[in-house]
Amino acid sequence: MIEPKHRLIQAIREAGYETPTDAWRANRHKLDISQDLMISNTNGNRDISRKAAEKYARVFGHTAGWYLYGDNGKANAATDDGASKAAAPDMVSQLAEVFADLVKA
């Protein structure tokens, strides 16, 4: 499994920079993060936050989700009991329909 730090390094190289420091120097105002944070993100000493991922996405391309989770940019939907979080919006819709029916009655 590719880690977020590897995806960040990949994006930096795809953007044409040899090192994270080069990328930060060229984009420090657009990124609006410290050089230390970017270096810590690329070496894995500090996890990439959602906010930092959004900034990386804006400057280097891809989506914030891609930096954090990979492939399709979404967190693993499996829960401890094997159920899917993807079903949650469906359940909310169903509950809304049931509630609407109860209000009508």
Protein backbone atom coordinates (compact mmCIF):
# COMPACT_ATOMS: atom_id res chain seq x y z
CA MET A 1 0.00 0.00 0.00
CA ILE A 2 1.35 3.40 -0.95
CA GLU A 3 1.46 5.82 1.95
CA PRO A 4 0.39 9.48 1.79
CA LYS A 5 4.03 10.61 1.98
CA HIS A 6 4.79 8.64 -1.19
CA ARG A 7 1.83 10.18 -3.01
CA LEU A 8 3.01 13.66 -2.00
CA ILE A 9 6.52 12.94 -3.28
CA GLN A 10 5.02 11.57 -6.51
CA ALA A 11 2.94 14.72 -7.02
CA ILE A 12 5.95 16.95 -6.35
CA ARG A 13 7.98 15.09 -8.97
CA GLU A 14 5.07 15.13 -11.45
CA ALA A 15 4.96 18.90 -10.99
CA GLY A 16 8.60 19.05 -12.11
CA TYR A 17 10.44 19.50 -8.82
CA GLU A 18 13.39 17.37 -7.76
CA THR A 19 12.95 17.82 -4.02
CA PRO A 20 10.21 18.87 -1.60
CA THR A 21 12.37 21.87 -0.68
CA ASP A 22 12.49 23.00 -4.33
CA ALA A 23 8.72 22.61 -4.56
CA TRP A 24 8.16 24.54 -1.34
CA ARG A 25 10.49 27.38 -2.36
CA ALA A 26 8.73 27.79 -5.70
CA ASN A 27 5.25 27.66 -4.15
CA ARG A 28 5.63 28.92 -0.57
CA HIS A 29 2.99 31.65 -0.95
CA LYS A 30 0.49 29.40 -2.71
CA LEU A 31 1.00 26.60 -0.19
CA ASP A 32 0.86 28.85 2.88
CA ILE A 33 2.50 26.17 5.03
CA SER A 34 5.93 26.04 6.64
CA GLN A 35 8.83 24.32 4.97
CA ASP A 36 9.19 22.17 8.09
CA LEU A 37 5.63 20.89 7.74
CA MET A 38 6.11 19.98 4.10
CA ILE A 39 9.36 18.18 4.84
CA SER A 40 7.74 16.36 7.78
CA ASN A 41 4.85 15.33 5.52
CA THR A 42 7.18 14.00 2.83
CA ASN A 43 9.39 12.04 5.22
CA GLY A 44 6.45 10.64 7.17
CA ASN A 45 7.30 12.22 10.52
CA ARG A 46 3.96 14.02 10.49
CA ASP A 47 0.69 12.86 8.94
CA ILE A 48 -0.77 14.97 6.16
CA SER A 49 -3.79 16.84 7.52
CA ARG A 50 -6.93 17.44 5.48
CA LYS A 51 -6.06 21.14 5.30
CA ALA A 52 -2.52 20.46 4.06
CA ALA A 53 -3.84 17.90 1.55
CA GLU A 54 -6.20 20.54 0.15
CA LYS A 55 -3.27 22.93 -0.28
CA TYR A 56 -1.13 20.27 -1.95
CA ALA A 57 -4.02 19.43 -4.28
CA ARG A 58 -4.45 23.07 -5.25
CA VAL A 59 -0.74 23.52 -6.01
CA PHE A 60 0.44 20.13 -7.28
CA GLY A 61 -2.76 18.64 -8.70
CA HIS A 62 -4.78 15.52 -7.81
CA THR A 63 -7.42 15.74 -5.06
CA ALA A 64 -7.02 16.14 -1.32
CA GLY A 65 -8.53 12.67 -0.93
CA TRP A 66 -5.89 11.22 -3.23
CA TYR A 67 -3.10 12.52 -0.98
CA LEU A 68 -4.79 11.11 2.10
CA TYR A 69 -6.29 7.84 0.86
CA GLY A 70 -4.99 7.05 -2.61
CA ASP A 71 -6.74 5.65 -5.69
CA ASN A 72 -10.22 7.13 -5.67
CA GLY A 73 -9.55 9.60 -2.87
CA LYS A 74 -11.88 7.98 -0.36
CA ALA A 75 -11.22 6.44 3.02
CA ASN A 76 -11.66 2.70 3.39
CA ALA A 77 -15.40 2.23 3.84
CA ALA A 78 -15.19 -1.01 5.83
CA THR A 79 -15.98 -0.78 9.52
CA ASP A 80 -15.03 -3.21 12.28
CA ASP A 81 -18.12 -5.35 11.72
CA GLY A 82 -17.60 -5.40 7.95
CA ALA A 83 -20.49 -3.04 7.22
CA SER A 84 -20.01 -0.30 4.67
CA LYS A 85 -20.13 3.38 5.50
CA ALA A 86 -21.30 3.93 1.93
CA ALA A 87 -24.71 2.65 3.02
CA ALA A 88 -25.13 5.52 5.48
CA PRO A 89 -26.53 8.06 2.99
CA ASP A 90 -29.06 5.44 1.84
CA MET A 91 -30.11 4.85 5.43
CA VAL A 92 -30.55 8.57 6.00
CA SER A 93 -32.78 8.79 2.93
CA GLN A 94 -34.84 5.85 4.11
CA LEU A 95 -35.24 7.33 7.57
CA ALA A 96 -36.29 10.65 6.06
CA GLU A 97 -38.99 8.88 4.04
CA VAL A 98 -40.24 7.00 7.11
CA PHE A 99 -40.30 10.22 9.13
CA ALA A 100 -42.21 12.00 6.35
CA ASP A 101 -44.76 9.18 6.31
CA LEU A 102 -45.16 9.42 10.09
CA VAL A 103 -45.71 13.16 9.90
CA LYS A 104 -48.42 12.66 7.26
CA ALA A 105 -50.25 10.10 9.43
